[in-house]
PDB file of N, CA and C in Angstrom:
ATOM      1  N   MET A   1     -58.920  51.023 149.520  1.00  0.00           N
ATOM      2  CA  MET A   1     -58.465  51.248 148.163  1.00  0.00           C
ATOM      3  C   MET A   1     -59.316  52.314 147.483  1.00  0.00           C
ATOM      4  N   ILE A   2     -60.631  52.185 147.548  1.00  0.00           N
ATOM      5  CA  ILE A   2     -61.506  53.168 146.907  1.00  0.00           C
ATOM      6  C   ILE A   2     -61.421  54.513 147.629  1.00  0.00           C
ATOM      7  N   PHE A   3     -61.204  54.458 148.950  1.00  0.00           N
ATOM      8  CA  PHE A   3     -61.065  55.697 149.712  1.00  0.00           C
ATOM      9  C   PHE A   3     -59.834  56.473 149.269  1.00  0.00           C
ATOM     10  N   GLN A   4     -58.724  55.770 149.025  1.00  0.00           N
ATOM     11  CA  GLN A   4     -57.504  56.436 148.566  1.00  0.00           C
ATOM     12  C   GLN A   4     -57.703  57.052 147.185  1.00  0.00           C
ATOM     13  N   PHE A   5     -58.419  56.343 146.306  1.00  0.00           N
ATOM     14  CA  PHE A   5     -58.692  56.873 144.976  1.00  0.00           C
ATOM     15  C   PHE A   5     -59.521  58.145 145.060  1.00  0.00           C
ATOM     16  N   ILE A   6     -60.572  58.117 145.870  1.00  0.00           N
ATOM     17  CA  ILE A   6     -61.432  59.296 146.039  1.00  0.00           C
ATOM     18  C   ILE A   6     -60.638  60.442 146.656  1.00  0.00           C
ATOM     19  N   ARG A   7     -59.792  60.134 147.615  1.00  0.00           N
ATOM     20  CA  ARG A   7     -58.959  61.162 148.253  1.00  0.00           C
ATOM     21  C   ARG A   7     -58.006  61.786 147.236  1.00  0.00           C
ATOM     22  N   ASN A   8     -57.381  60.969 146.406  1.00  0.00           N
ATOM     23  CA  ASN A   8     -56.449  61.490 145.404  1.00  0.00           C
ATOM     24  C   ASN A   8     -57.160  62.340 144.364  1.00  0.00           C
ATOM     25  N   VAL A   9     -58.351  61.926 143.943  1.00  0.00           N
ATOM     26  CA  VAL A   9     -59.133  62.729 142.997  1.00  0.00           C
ATOM     27  C   VAL A   9     -59.520  64.058 143.636  1.00  0.00           C
ATOM     28  N   ALA A  10     -59.897  64.023 144.900  1.00  0.00           N
ATOM     29  CA  ALA A  10     -60.255  65.255 145.602  1.00  0.00           C
ATOM     30  C   ALA A  10     -59.051  66.194 145.722  1.00  0.00           C
ATOM     31  N   ILE A  11     -57.882  65.650 145.979  1.00  0.00           N
ATOM     32  CA  ILE A  11     -56.668  66.472 146.073  1.00  0.00           C
ATOM     33  C   ILE A  11     -56.365  67.122 144.735  1.00  0.00           C
ATOM     34  N   VAL A  12     -56.468  66.360 143.643  1.00  0.00           N
ATOM     35  CA  VAL A  12     -56.208  66.909 142.312  1.00  0.00           C
ATOM     36  C   VAL A  12     -57.212  68.004 141.987  1.00  0.00           C
ATOM     37  N   CYS A  13     -58.492  67.766 142.277  1.00  0.00           N
ATOM     38  CA  CYS A  13     -59.521  68.790 142.026  1.00  0.00           C
ATOM     39  C   CYS A  13     -59.264  70.040 142.858  1.00  0.00           C
ATOM     40  N   PHE A  14     -58.852  69.857 144.105  1.00  0.00           N
ATOM     41  CA  PHE A  14     -58.542  71.003 144.953  1.00  0.00           C
ATOM     42  C   PHE A  14     -57.364  71.793 144.389  1.00  0.00           C
ATOM     43  N   MET A  15     -56.320  71.088 143.939  1.00  0.00           N
ATOM     44  CA  MET A  15     -55.154  71.776 143.392  1.00  0.00           C
ATOM     45  C   MET A  15     -55.512  72.529 142.115  1.00  0.00           C
ATOM     46  N   LEU A  16     -56.312  71.905 141.244  1.00  0.00           N
ATOM     47  CA  LEU A  16     -56.754  72.594 140.026  1.00  0.00           C
ATOM     48  C   LEU A  16     -57.545  73.847 140.377  1.00  0.00           C
ATOM     49  N   SER A  17     -58.475  73.726 141.315  1.00  0.00           N
ATOM     50  CA  SER A  17     -59.291  74.873 141.723  1.00  0.00           C
ATOM     51  C   SER A  17     -58.448  75.973 142.348  1.00  0.00           C
ATOM     52  N   LEU A  18     -57.482  75.595 143.147  1.00  0.00           N
ATOM     53  CA  LEU A  18     -56.608  76.571 143.779  1.00  0.00           C
ATOM     54  C   LEU A  18     -55.823  77.361 142.739  1.00  0.00           C
ATOM     55  N   PHE A  19     -55.252  76.675 141.761  1.00  0.00           N
ATOM     56  CA  PHE A  19     -54.475  77.372 140.747  1.00  0.00           C
ATOM     57  C   PHE A  19     -55.350  78.213 139.829  1.00  0.00           C
ATOM     58  N   VAL A  20     -56.541  77.739 139.519  1.00  0.00           N
ATOM     59  CA  VAL A  20     -57.467  78.568 138.724  1.00  0.00           C
ATOM     60  C   VAL A  20     -57.819  79.826 139.512  1.00  0.00           C
ATOM     61  N   ALA A  21     -58.059  79.674 140.805  1.00  0.00           N
ATOM     62  CA  ALA A  21     -58.378  80.839 141.640  1.00  0.00           C
ATOM     63  C   ALA A  21     -57.207  81.825 141.676  1.00  0.00           C
ATOM     64  N   LEU A  22     -55.988  81.309 141.748  1.00  0.00           N
ATOM     65  CA  LEU A  22     -54.814  82.196 141.723  1.00  0.00           C
ATOM     66  C   LEU A  22     -54.740  82.976 140.414  1.00  0.00           C
ATOM     67  N   PHE A  23     -54.954  82.288 139.309  1.00  0.00           N
ATOM     68  CA  PHE A  23     -54.941  82.977 138.018  1.00  0.00           C
ATOM     69  C   PHE A  23     -56.100  83.959 137.894  1.00  0.00           C
ATOM     70  N   MET A  24     -57.259  83.588 138.410  1.00  0.00           N
ATOM     71  CA  MET A  24     -58.411  84.497 138.317  1.00  0.00           C
ATOM     72  C   MET A  24     -58.176  85.753 139.157  1.00  0.00           C
ATOM     73  N   TYR A  25     -57.471  85.611 140.268  1.00  0.00           N
ATOM     74  CA  TYR A  25     -57.240  86.758 141.133  1.00  0.00           C
ATOM     75  C   TYR A  25     -56.082  87.625 140.627  1.00  0.00           C
ATOM     76  N   PHE A  26     -54.945  86.993 140.323  1.00  0.00           N
ATOM     77  CA  PHE A  26     -53.750  87.756 139.972  1.00  0.00           C
ATOM     78  C   PHE A  26     -53.611  88.043 138.471  1.00  0.00           C
ATOM     79  N   CYS A  27     -54.205  87.221 137.640  1.00  0.00           N
ATOM     80  CA  CYS A  27     -54.023  87.350 136.184  1.00  0.00           C
ATOM     81  C   CYS A  27     -55.374  87.383 135.478  1.00  0.00           C
ATOM     82  N   ARG A  28     -56.279  88.189 135.952  1.00  0.00           N
ATOM     83  CA  ARG A  28     -57.623  88.245 135.368  1.00  0.00           C
ATOM     84  C   ARG A  28     -57.614  88.903 133.995  1.00  0.00           C
ATOM     85  N   ASP A  29     -56.705  89.829 133.760  1.00  0.00           N
ATOM     86  CA  ASP A  29     -56.642  90.525 132.483  1.00  0.00           C
ATOM     87  C   ASP A  29     -56.128  89.577 131.401  1.00  0.00           C
ATOM     88  N   TYR A  30     -56.740  89.618 130.242  1.00  0.00           N
ATOM     89  CA  TYR A  30     -56.364  88.722 129.147  1.00  0.00           C
ATOM     90  C   TYR A  30     -54.931  88.950 128.677  1.00  0.00           C
ATOM     91  N   ARG A  31     -54.363  90.122 128.933  1.00  0.00           N
ATOM     92  CA  ARG A  31     -53.003  90.427 128.481  1.00  0.00           C
ATOM     93  C   ARG A  31     -51.926  89.665 129.251  1.00  0.00           C
ATOM     94  N   HIS A  32     -52.315  88.978 130.308  1.00  0.00           N
ATOM     95  CA  HIS A  32     -51.358  88.154 131.052  1.00  0.00           C
ATOM     96  C   HIS A  32     -51.005  86.879 130.286  1.00  0.00           C
ATOM     97  N   PHE A  33     -51.778  86.559 129.229  1.00  0.00           N
ATOM     98  CA  PHE A  33     -51.574  85.322 128.489  1.00  0.00           C
ATOM     99  C   PHE A  33     -51.445  85.599 127.006  1.00  0.00           C
ATOM    100  N   ASN A  34     -50.534  84.885 126.360  1.00  0.00           N
ATOM    101  CA  ASN A  34     -50.481  84.866 124.907  1.00  0.00           C
ATOM    102  C   ASN A  34     -51.527  83.859 124.439  1.00  0.00           C
ATOM    103  N   GLY A  35     -52.272  84.200 123.407  1.00  0.00           N
ATOM    104  CA  GLY A  35     -53.254  83.274 122.865  1.00  0.00           C
ATOM    105  C   GLY A  35     -54.669  83.536 123.316  1.00  0.00           C
ATOM    106  N   ILE A  36     -54.871  84.438 124.266  1.00  0.00           N
ATOM    107  CA  ILE A  36     -56.220  84.814 124.678  1.00  0.00           C
ATOM    108  C   ILE A  36     -56.484  86.220 124.156  1.00  0.00           C
ATOM    109  N   LYS A  37     -57.533  86.343 123.387  1.00  0.00           N
ATOM    110  CA  LYS A  37     -57.902  87.646 122.837  1.00  0.00           C
ATOM    111  C   LYS A  37     -58.952  88.293 123.719  1.00  0.00           C
ATOM    112  N   LYS A  38     -59.067  89.606 123.606  1.00  0.00           N
ATOM    113  CA  LYS A  38     -60.007  90.350 124.427  1.00  0.00           C
ATOM    114  C   LYS A  38     -61.435  89.862 124.214  1.00  0.00           C
ATOM    115  N   LYS A  39     -61.801  89.536 122.984  1.00  0.00           N
ATOM    116  CA  LYS A  39     -63.169  89.091 122.700  1.00  0.00           C
ATOM    117  C   LYS A  39     -63.445  87.687 123.250  1.00  0.00           C
ATOM    118  N   ASP A  40     -62.384  86.900 123.505  1.00  0.00           N
ATOM    119  CA  ASP A  40     -62.546  85.555 124.067  1.00  0.00           C
ATOM    120  C   ASP A  40     -62.576  85.548 125.588  1.00  0.00           C
ATOM    121  N   ASP A  41     -62.346  86.691 126.197  1.00  0.00           N
ATOM    122  CA  ASP A  41     -62.201  86.765 127.651  1.00  0.00           C
ATOM    123  C   ASP A  41     -63.114  87.857 128.219  1.00  0.00           C
ATOM    124  N   VAL A  42     -64.336  87.937 127.697  1.00  0.00           N
ATOM    125  CA  VAL A  42     -65.229  89.049 128.042  1.00  0.00           C
ATOM    126  C   VAL A  42     -65.828  88.899 129.429  1.00  0.00           C
ATOM    127  N   ASP A  43     -66.508  87.790 129.679  1.00  0.00           N
ATOM    128  CA  ASP A  43     -67.169  87.646 130.974  1.00  0.00           C
ATOM    129  C   ASP A  43     -66.390  86.681 131.882  1.00  0.00           C
ATOM    130  N   MET A  44     -66.886  86.532 133.101  1.00  0.00           N
ATOM    131  CA  MET A  44     -66.190  85.739 134.126  1.00  0.00           C
ATOM    132  C   MET A  44     -66.083  84.269 133.736  1.00  0.00           C
ATOM    133  N   TRP A  45     -67.137  83.715 133.122  1.00  0.00           N
ATOM    134  CA  TRP A  45     -67.122  82.302 132.748  1.00  0.00           C
ATOM    135  C   TRP A  45     -66.104  82.020 131.658  1.00  0.00           C
ATOM    136  N   ASP A  46     -65.988  82.904 130.673  1.00  0.00           N
ATOM    137  CA  ASP A  46     -64.978  82.726 129.636  1.00  0.00           C
ATOM    138  C   ASP A  46     -63.573  82.805 130.230  1.00  0.00           C
ATOM    139  N   ALA A  47     -63.378  83.761 131.114  1.00  0.00           N
ATOM    140  CA  ALA A  47     -62.074  83.906 131.758  1.00  0.00           C
ATOM    141  C   ALA A  47     -61.754  82.658 132.595  1.00  0.00           C
ATOM    142  N   TYR A  48     -62.749  82.186 133.338  1.00  0.00           N
ATOM    143  CA  TYR A  48     -62.543  80.981 134.157  1.00  0.00           C
ATOM    144  C   TYR A  48     -62.188  79.790 133.267  1.00  0.00           C
ATOM    145  N   PHE A  49     -62.949  79.613 132.185  1.00  0.00           N
ATOM    146  CA  PHE A  49     -62.684  78.474 131.302  1.00  0.00           C
ATOM    147  C   PHE A  49     -61.298  78.562 130.662  1.00  0.00           C
ATOM    148  N   ASN A  50     -60.904  79.749 130.227  1.00  0.00           N
ATOM    149  CA  ASN A  50     -59.578  79.903 129.611  1.00  0.00           C
ATOM    150  C   ASN A  50     -58.461  79.559 130.592  1.00  0.00           C
ATOM    151  N   ARG A  51     -58.589  80.022 131.826  1.00  0.00           N
ATOM    152  CA  ARG A  51     -57.558  79.722 132.831  1.00  0.00           C
ATOM    153  C   ARG A  51     -57.590  78.245 133.227  1.00  0.00           C
ATOM    154  N   PHE A  52     -58.802  77.699 133.359  1.00  0.00           N
ATOM    155  CA  PHE A  52     -58.928  76.278 133.677  1.00  0.00           C
ATOM    156  C   PHE A  52     -58.323  75.422 132.567  1.00  0.00           C
ATOM    157  N   TYR A  53     -58.588  75.785 131.317  1.00  0.00           N
ATOM    158  CA  TYR A  53     -58.016  75.071 130.171  1.00  0.00           C
ATOM    159  C   TYR A  53     -56.483  75.126 130.216  1.00  0.00           C
ATOM    160  N   PHE A  54     -55.934  76.310 130.468  1.00  0.00           N
ATOM    161  CA  PHE A  54     -54.481  76.456 130.533  1.00  0.00           C
ATOM    162  C   PHE A  54     -53.897  75.599 131.655  1.00  0.00           C
ATOM    163  N   ILE A  55     -54.543  75.638 132.825  1.00  0.00           N
ATOM    164  CA  ILE A  55     -54.045  74.866 133.976  1.00  0.00           C
ATOM    165  C   ILE A  55     -54.129  73.373 133.688  1.00  0.00           C
ATOM    166  N   LEU A  56     -55.232  72.929 133.108  1.00  0.00           N
ATOM    167  CA  LEU A  56     -55.390  71.506 132.833  1.00  0.00           C
ATOM    168  C   LEU A  56     -54.362  71.022 131.812  1.00  0.00           C
ATOM    169  N   ILE A  57     -54.096  71.806 130.795  1.00  0.00           N
ATOM    170  CA  ILE A  57     -53.091  71.445 129.802  1.00  0.00           C
ATOM    171  C   ILE A  57     -51.697  71.429 130.447  1.00  0.00           C
ATOM    172  N   THR A  58     -51.435  72.362 131.336  1.00  0.00           N
ATOM    173  CA  THR A  58     -50.157  72.385 132.045  1.00  0.00           C
ATOM    174  C   THR A  58     -50.067  71.232 133.037  1.00  0.00           C
ATOM    175  N   PHE A  59     -51.152  70.997 133.772  1.00  0.00           N
ATOM    176  CA  PHE A  59     -51.184  69.981 134.816  1.00  0.00           C
ATOM    177  C   PHE A  59     -51.004  68.581 134.252  1.00  0.00           C
ATOM    178  N   THR A  60     -51.533  68.334 133.062  1.00  0.00           N
ATOM    179  CA  THR A  60     -51.397  67.013 132.450  1.00  0.00           C
ATOM    180  C   THR A  60     -50.115  66.887 131.649  1.00  0.00           C
ATOM    181  N   THR A  61     -49.311  67.918 131.622  1.00  0.00           N
ATOM    182  CA  THR A  61     -48.033  68.000 130.909  1.00  0.00           C
ATOM    183  C   THR A  61     -48.187  67.812 129.404  1.00  0.00           C
ATOM    184  N   ILE A  62     -49.365  68.123 128.864  1.00  0.00           N
ATOM    185  CA  ILE A  62     -49.562  68.077 127.414  1.00  0.00           C
ATOM    186  C   ILE A  62     -48.911  69.298 126.788  1.00  0.00           C
ATOM    187  N   GLY A  63     -49.256  70.482 127.269  1.00  0.00           N
ATOM    188  CA  GLY A  63     -48.621  71.713 126.843  1.00  0.00           C
ATOM    189  C   GLY A  63     -48.768  72.031 125.372  1.00  0.00           C
ATOM    190  N   TYR A  64     -49.973  72.283 124.911  1.00  0.00           N
ATOM    191  CA  TYR A  64     -50.185  72.620 123.502  1.00  0.00           C
ATOM    192  C   TYR A  64     -49.465  73.900 123.089  1.00  0.00           C
ATOM    193  N   GLY A  65     -49.397  74.878 123.956  1.00  0.00           N
ATOM    194  CA  GLY A  65     -48.739  76.128 123.634  1.00  0.00           C
ATOM    195  C   GLY A  65     -49.657  77.160 123.012  1.00  0.00           C
ATOM    196  N   ASP A  66     -50.948  76.820 122.863  1.00  0.00           N
ATOM    197  CA  ASP A  66     -51.873  77.795 122.291  1.00  0.00           C
ATOM    198  C   ASP A  66     -52.170  78.927 123.262  1.00  0.00           C
ATOM    199  N   ILE A  67     -52.115  78.639 124.549  1.00  0.00           N
ATOM    200  CA  ILE A  67     -52.207  79.677 125.578  1.00  0.00           C
ATOM    201  C   ILE A  67     -50.942  79.548 126.413  1.00  0.00           C
ATOM    202  N   SER A  68     -50.225  80.648 126.556  1.00  0.00           N
ATOM    203  CA  SER A  68     -48.997  80.626 127.351  1.00  0.00           C
ATOM    204  C   SER A  68     -48.934  81.892 128.193  1.00  0.00           C
ATOM    205  N   PRO A  69     -48.236  81.834 129.318  1.00  0.00           N
ATOM    206  CA  PRO A  69     -48.149  83.021 130.174  1.00  0.00           C
ATOM    207  C   PRO A  69     -47.311  84.111 129.526  1.00  0.00           C
ATOM    208  N   ALA A  70     -47.797  85.337 129.630  1.00  0.00           N
ATOM    209  CA  ALA A  70     -47.075  86.467 129.047  1.00  0.00           C
ATOM    210  C   ALA A  70     -46.484  87.378 130.113  1.00  0.00           C
ATOM    211  N   SER A  71     -47.146  87.488 131.265  1.00  0.00           N
ATOM    212  CA  SER A  71     -46.649  88.390 132.308  1.00  0.00           C
ATOM    213  C   SER A  71     -45.786  87.630 133.308  1.00  0.00           C
ATOM    214  N   ARG A  72     -45.036  88.366 134.075  1.00  0.00           N
ATOM    215  CA  ARG A  72     -44.177  87.766 135.092  1.00  0.00           C
ATOM    216  C   ARG A  72     -45.012  87.054 136.161  1.00  0.00           C
ATOM    217  N   THR A  73     -46.146  87.626 136.532  1.00  0.00           N
ATOM    218  CA  THR A  73     -47.018  87.006 137.530  1.00  0.00           C
ATOM    219  C   THR A  73     -47.550  85.674 137.030  1.00  0.00           C
ATOM    220  N   ALA A  74     -48.026  85.656 135.780  1.00  0.00           N
ATOM    221  CA  ALA A  74     -48.552  84.409 135.214  1.00  0.00           C
ATOM    222  C   ALA A  74     -47.449  83.362 135.087  1.00  0.00           C
ATOM    223  N   ARG A  75     -46.259  83.778 134.745  1.00  0.00           N
ATOM    224  CA  ARG A  75     -45.140  82.830 134.651  1.00  0.00           C
ATOM    225  C   ARG A  75     -44.772  82.279 136.020  1.00  0.00           C
ATOM    226  N   PHE A  76     -44.797  83.124 137.034  1.00  0.00           N
ATOM    227  CA  PHE A  76     -44.482  82.674 138.394  1.00  0.00           C
ATOM    228  C   PHE A  76     -45.497  81.639 138.861  1.00  0.00           C
ATOM    229  N   ILE A  77     -46.775  81.894 138.633  1.00  0.00           N
ATOM    230  CA  ILE A  77     -47.804  80.934 139.038  1.00  0.00           C
ATOM    231  C   ILE A  77     -47.641  79.635 138.239  1.00  0.00           C
ATOM    232  N   THR A  78     -47.314  79.753 136.950  1.00  0.00           N
ATOM    233  CA  THR A  78     -47.119  78.565 136.121  1.00  0.00           C
ATOM    234  C   THR A  78     -45.933  77.744 136.614  1.00  0.00           C
ATOM    235  N   VAL A  79     -44.854  78.388 136.985  1.00  0.00           N
ATOM    236  CA  VAL A  79     -43.704  77.676 137.546  1.00  0.00           C
ATOM    237  C   VAL A  79     -44.109  76.966 138.836  1.00  0.00           C
ATOM    238  N   SER A  80     -44.920  77.615 139.664  1.00  0.00           N
ATOM    239  CA  SER A  80     -45.414  76.980 140.895  1.00  0.00           C
ATOM    240  C   SER A  80     -46.229  75.731 140.572  1.00  0.00           C
ATOM    241  N   ILE A  81     -47.081  75.837 139.564  1.00  0.00           N
ATOM    242  CA  ILE A  81     -47.890  74.682 139.160  1.00  0.00           C
ATOM    243  C   ILE A  81     -46.985  73.535 138.721  1.00  0.00           C
ATOM    244  N   ILE A  82     -45.994  73.836 137.911  1.00  0.00           N
ATOM    245  CA  ILE A  82     -45.102  72.797 137.397  1.00  0.00           C
ATOM    246  C   ILE A  82     -44.332  72.132 138.537  1.00  0.00           C
ATOM    247  N   LEU A  83     -43.882  72.915 139.515  1.00  0.00           N
ATOM    248  CA  LEU A  83     -43.175  72.323 140.662  1.00  0.00           C
ATOM    249  C   LEU A  83     -44.085  71.417 141.475  1.00  0.00           C
ATOM    250  N   VAL A  84     -45.324  71.842 141.684  1.00  0.00           N
ATOM    251  CA  VAL A  84     -46.286  71.004 142.409  1.00  0.00           C
ATOM    252  C   VAL A  84     -46.542  69.713 141.644  1.00  0.00           C
ATOM    253  N   ILE A  85     -46.662  69.816 140.324  1.00  0.00           N
ATOM    254  CA  ILE A  85     -46.890  68.626 139.496  1.00  0.00           C
ATOM    255  C   ILE A  85     -45.703  67.672 139.613  1.00  0.00           C
ATOM    256  N   MET A  86     -44.498  68.202 139.517  1.00  0.00           N
ATOM    257  CA  MET A  86     -43.313  67.347 139.593  1.00  0.00           C
ATOM    258  C   MET A  86     -43.234  66.638 140.950  1.00  0.00           C
ATOM    259  N   ILE A  87     -43.490  67.354 142.010  1.00  0.00           N
ATOM    260  CA  ILE A  87     -43.456  66.749 143.344  1.00  0.00           C
ATOM    261  C   ILE A  87     -44.546  65.692 143.473  1.00  0.00           C
ATOM    262  N   SER A  88     -45.733  65.984 142.944  1.00  0.00           N
ATOM    263  CA  SER A  88     -46.839  65.019 143.007  1.00  0.00           C
ATOM    264  C   SER A  88     -46.521  63.750 142.227  1.00  0.00           C
ATOM    265  N   ILE A  89     -45.937  63.904 141.048  1.00  0.00           N
ATOM    266  CA  ILE A  89     -45.586  62.731 140.237  1.00  0.00           C
ATOM    267  C   ILE A  89     -44.508  61.905 140.931  1.00  0.00           C
ATOM    268  N   LEU A  90     -43.502  62.566 141.498  1.00  0.00           N
ATOM    269  CA  LEU A  90     -42.456  61.829 142.218  1.00  0.00           C
ATOM    270  C   LEU A  90     -43.025  61.097 143.423  1.00  0.00           C
ATOM    271  N   LYS A  91     -43.954  61.741 144.128  1.00  0.00           N
ATOM    272  CA  LYS A  91     -44.592  61.101 145.278  1.00  0.00           C
ATOM    273  C   LYS A  91     -45.411  59.894 144.840  1.00  0.00           C
ATOM    274  N   ALA A  92     -46.110  60.011 143.718  1.00  0.00           N
ATOM    275  CA  ALA A  92     -46.897  58.890 143.206  1.00  0.00           C
ATOM    276  C   ALA A  92     -45.992  57.719 142.827  1.00  0.00           C
ATOM    277  N   PHE A  93     -44.883  58.010 142.147  1.00  0.00           N
ATOM    278  CA  PHE A  93     -43.952  56.946 141.791  1.00  0.00           C
ATOM    279  C   PHE A  93     -43.325  56.320 143.027  1.00  0.00           C
ATOM    280  N   ASP A  94     -43.031  57.129 144.035  1.00  0.00           N
ATOM    281  CA  ASP A  94     -42.466  56.606 145.269  1.00  0.00           C
ATOM    282  C   ASP A  94     -43.432  55.637 145.946  1.00  0.00           C
ATOM    283  N   SER A  95     -44.705  56.015 146.013  1.00  0.00           N
ATOM    284  CA  SER A  95     -45.681  55.120 146.650  1.00  0.00           C
ATOM    285  C   SER A  95     -45.898  53.865 145.819  1.00  0.00           C
ATOM    286  N   LEU A  96     -45.850  54.000 144.492  1.00  0.00           N
ATOM    287  CA  LEU A  96     -45.991  52.833 143.620  1.00  0.00           C
ATOM    288  C   LEU A  96     -44.826  51.868 143.808  1.00  0.00           C
ATOM    289  N   ILE A  97     -43.613  52.403 143.846  1.00  0.00           N
ATOM    290  CA  ILE A  97     -42.433  51.556 144.030  1.00  0.00           C
ATOM    291  C   ILE A  97     -42.431  50.939 145.423  1.00  0.00           C
ATOM    292  N   SER A  98     -42.842  51.695 146.432  1.00  0.00           N
ATOM    293  CA  SER A  98     -42.894  51.148 147.797  1.00  0.00           C
ATOM    294  C   SER A  98     -43.896  50.005 147.891  1.00  0.00           C
ATOM    295  N   SER A  99     -45.049  50.166 147.254  1.00  0.00           N
ATOM    296  CA  SER A  99     -46.036  49.084 147.301  1.00  0.00           C
ATOM    297  C   SER A  99     -45.534  47.863 146.534  1.00  0.00           C
ATOM    298  N   TYR A 100     -44.804  48.082 145.442  1.00  0.00           N
ATOM    299  CA  TYR A 100     -44.231  46.962 144.694  1.00  0.00           C
ATOM    300  C   TYR A 100     -43.215  46.215 145.547  1.00  0.00           C
ATOM    301  N   HIS A 101     -42.333  46.969 146.219  1.00  0.00           N
ATOM    302  CA  HIS A 101     -41.335  46.321 147.056  1.00  0.00           C
ATOM    303  C   HIS A 101     -41.982  45.598 148.225  1.00  0.00           C
ATOM    304  N   GLY A 102     -43.046  46.166 148.778  1.00  0.00           N
ATOM    305  CA  GLY A 102     -43.744  45.485 149.863  1.00  0.00           C
ATOM    306  C   GLY A 102     -44.340  44.172 149.395  1.00  0.00           C
ATOM    307  N   THR A 103     -44.928  44.153 148.213  1.00  0.00           N
ATOM    308  CA  THR A 103     -45.481  42.924 147.653  1.00  0.00           C
ATOM    309  C   THR A 103     -44.373  41.930 147.344  1.00  0.00           C
ATOM    310  N   PHE A 104     -43.281  42.417 146.786  1.00  0.00           N
ATOM    311  CA  PHE A 104     -42.153  41.543 146.454  1.00  0.00           C
ATOM    312  C   PHE A 104     -41.547  40.945 147.715  1.00  0.00           C
ATOM    313  N   ASP A 105     -41.431  41.740 148.773  1.00  0.00           N
ATOM    314  CA  ASP A 105     -40.878  41.231 150.032  1.00  0.00           C
ATOM    315  C   ASP A 105     -41.770  40.144 150.623  1.00  0.00           C
ATOM    316  N   LYS A 106     -43.093  40.334 150.547  1.00  0.00           N
ATOM    317  CA  LYS A 106     -44.015  39.308 151.042  1.00  0.00           C
ATOM    318  C   LYS A 106     -43.867  38.022 150.237  1.00  0.00           C
ATOM    319  N   TYR A 107     -43.719  38.165 148.932  1.00  0.00           N
ATOM    320  CA  TYR A 107     -43.571  36.998 148.060  1.00  0.00           C
ATOM    321  C   TYR A 107     -42.276  36.252 148.366  1.00  0.00           C
ATOM    322  N   THR A 108     -41.173  36.973 148.525  1.00  0.00           N
ATOM    323  CA  THR A 108     -39.894  36.311 148.814  1.00  0.00           C
ATOM    324  C   THR A 108     -39.908  35.679 150.204  1.00  0.00           C
ATOM    325  N   SER A 109     -40.575  36.310 151.162  1.00  0.00           N
ATOM    326  CA  SER A 109     -40.639  35.687 152.495  1.00  0.00           C
ATOM    327  C   SER A 109     -41.461  34.404 152.444  1.00  0.00           C
ATOM    328  N   LYS A 110     -42.521  34.382 151.638  1.00  0.00           N
ATOM    329  CA  LYS A 110     -43.296  33.146 151.485  1.00  0.00           C
ATOM    330  C   LYS A 110     -42.460  32.067 150.799  1.00  0.00           C
ATOM    331  N   LEU A 111     -41.662  32.475 149.806  1.00  0.00           N
ATOM    332  CA  LEU A 111     -40.793  31.507 149.129  1.00  0.00           C
ATOM    333  C   LEU A 111     -39.744  30.957 150.082  1.00  0.00           C
ATOM    334  N   SER A 112     -39.159  31.831 150.890  1.00  0.00           N
ATOM    335  CA  SER A 112     -38.142  31.346 151.824  1.00  0.00           C
ATOM    336  C   SER A 112     -38.764  30.424 152.865  1.00  0.00           C
ATOM    337  N   ASN A 113     -39.992  30.721 153.294  1.00  0.00           N
ATOM    338  CA  ASN A 113     -40.684  29.825 154.228  1.00  0.00           C
ATOM    339  C   ASN A 113     -40.972  28.484 153.558  1.00  0.00           C
ATOM    340  N   LEU A 114     -41.341  28.500 152.293  1.00  0.00           N
ATOM    341  CA  LEU A 114     -41.600  27.271 151.557  1.00  0.00           C
ATOM    342  C   LEU A 114     -40.325  26.449 151.408  1.00  0.00           C
ATOM    343  N   GLU A 115     -39.210  27.106 151.121  1.00  0.00           N
ATOM    344  CA  GLU A 115     -37.933  26.398 151.008  1.00  0.00           C
ATOM    345  C   GLU A 115     -37.516  25.831 152.364  1.00  0.00           C
ATOM    346  N   LEU A 116     -37.788  26.552 153.445  1.00  0.00           N
ATOM    347  CA  LEU A 116     -37.481  26.059 154.778  1.00  0.00           C
ATOM    348  C   LEU A 116     -38.293  24.809 155.080  1.00  0.00           C
ATOM    349  N   ILE A 117     -39.566  24.814 154.683  1.00  0.00           N
ATOM    350  CA  ILE A 117     -40.412  23.636 154.897  1.00  0.00           C
ATOM    351  C   ILE A 117     -39.896  22.459 154.073  1.00  0.00           C
ATOM    352  N   LYS A 118     -39.463  22.711 152.844  1.00  0.00           N
ATOM    353  CA  LYS A 118     -38.912  21.639 152.011  1.00  0.00           C
ATOM    354  C   LYS A 118     -37.647  21.059 152.631  1.00  0.00           C
ATOM    355  N   ASP A 119     -36.789  21.945 153.166  1.00  0.00           N
ATOM    356  CA  ASP A 119     -35.560  21.476 153.805  1.00  0.00           C
ATOM    357  C   ASP A 119     -35.878  20.631 155.051  1.00  0.00           C
ATOM    358  N   LEU A 120     -36.861  21.104 155.840  1.00  0.00           N
ATOM    359  CA  LEU A 120     -37.239  20.350 157.033  1.00  0.00           C
ATOM    360  C   LEU A 120     -37.834  19.003 156.654  1.00  0.00           C
ATOM    361  N   SER A 121     -38.671  18.973 155.622  1.00  0.00           N
ATOM    362  CA  SER A 121     -39.276  17.702 155.212  1.00  0.00           C
ATOM    363  C   SER A 121     -38.232  16.778 154.628  1.00  0.00           C
ATOM    364  N   ALA A 122     -37.215  17.339 153.955  1.00  0.00           N
ATOM    365  CA  ALA A 122     -36.149  16.495 153.402  1.00  0.00           C
ATOM    366  C   ALA A 122     -35.309  15.887 154.528  1.00  0.00           C
ATOM    367  N   ASN A 123     -35.103  16.639 155.610  1.00  0.00           N
ATOM    368  CA  ASN A 123     -34.335  16.122 156.747  1.00  0.00           C
ATOM    369  C   ASN A 123     -35.113  15.044 157.495  1.00  0.00           C
ATOM    370  N   ILE A 124     -36.423  15.165 157.523  1.00  0.00           N
ATOM    371  CA  ILE A 124     -37.237  14.182 158.230  1.00  0.00           C
ATOM    372  C   ILE A 124     -37.258  12.862 157.451  1.00  0.00           C
ATOM    373  N   ILE A 125     -37.342  12.981 156.139  1.00  0.00           N
ATOM    374  CA  ILE A 125     -37.413  11.764 155.311  1.00  0.00           C
ATOM    375  C   ILE A 125     -36.038  11.222 155.202  1.00  0.00           C
TER     376      ILE A 125
END
């Protein structure tokens, strides 16, 4: 259980880092985004933080809109992020529903076994 949690956190961190790296490589110029001014994007750390902030807001589906993609490249990467998020959320719900059904099936099989025992004991008495 804890291993799966750590694995999922590592996957999310990897995906965030990958998308930040894509934005840093393809959309390093502040003009690729609405809401980022030249004075706010001077050095590498400011640029990294601005892109990380945008990705995190997009990734969590909060979407404040204070920073938005302006160029076609930034929009394409953002669409890729959104598709990955949607697939990840659907996969998470699928695993959640599968685990629920597995638990429910175990519970119903125990109930049916209990009813079978009651029927057998009623026939004996």
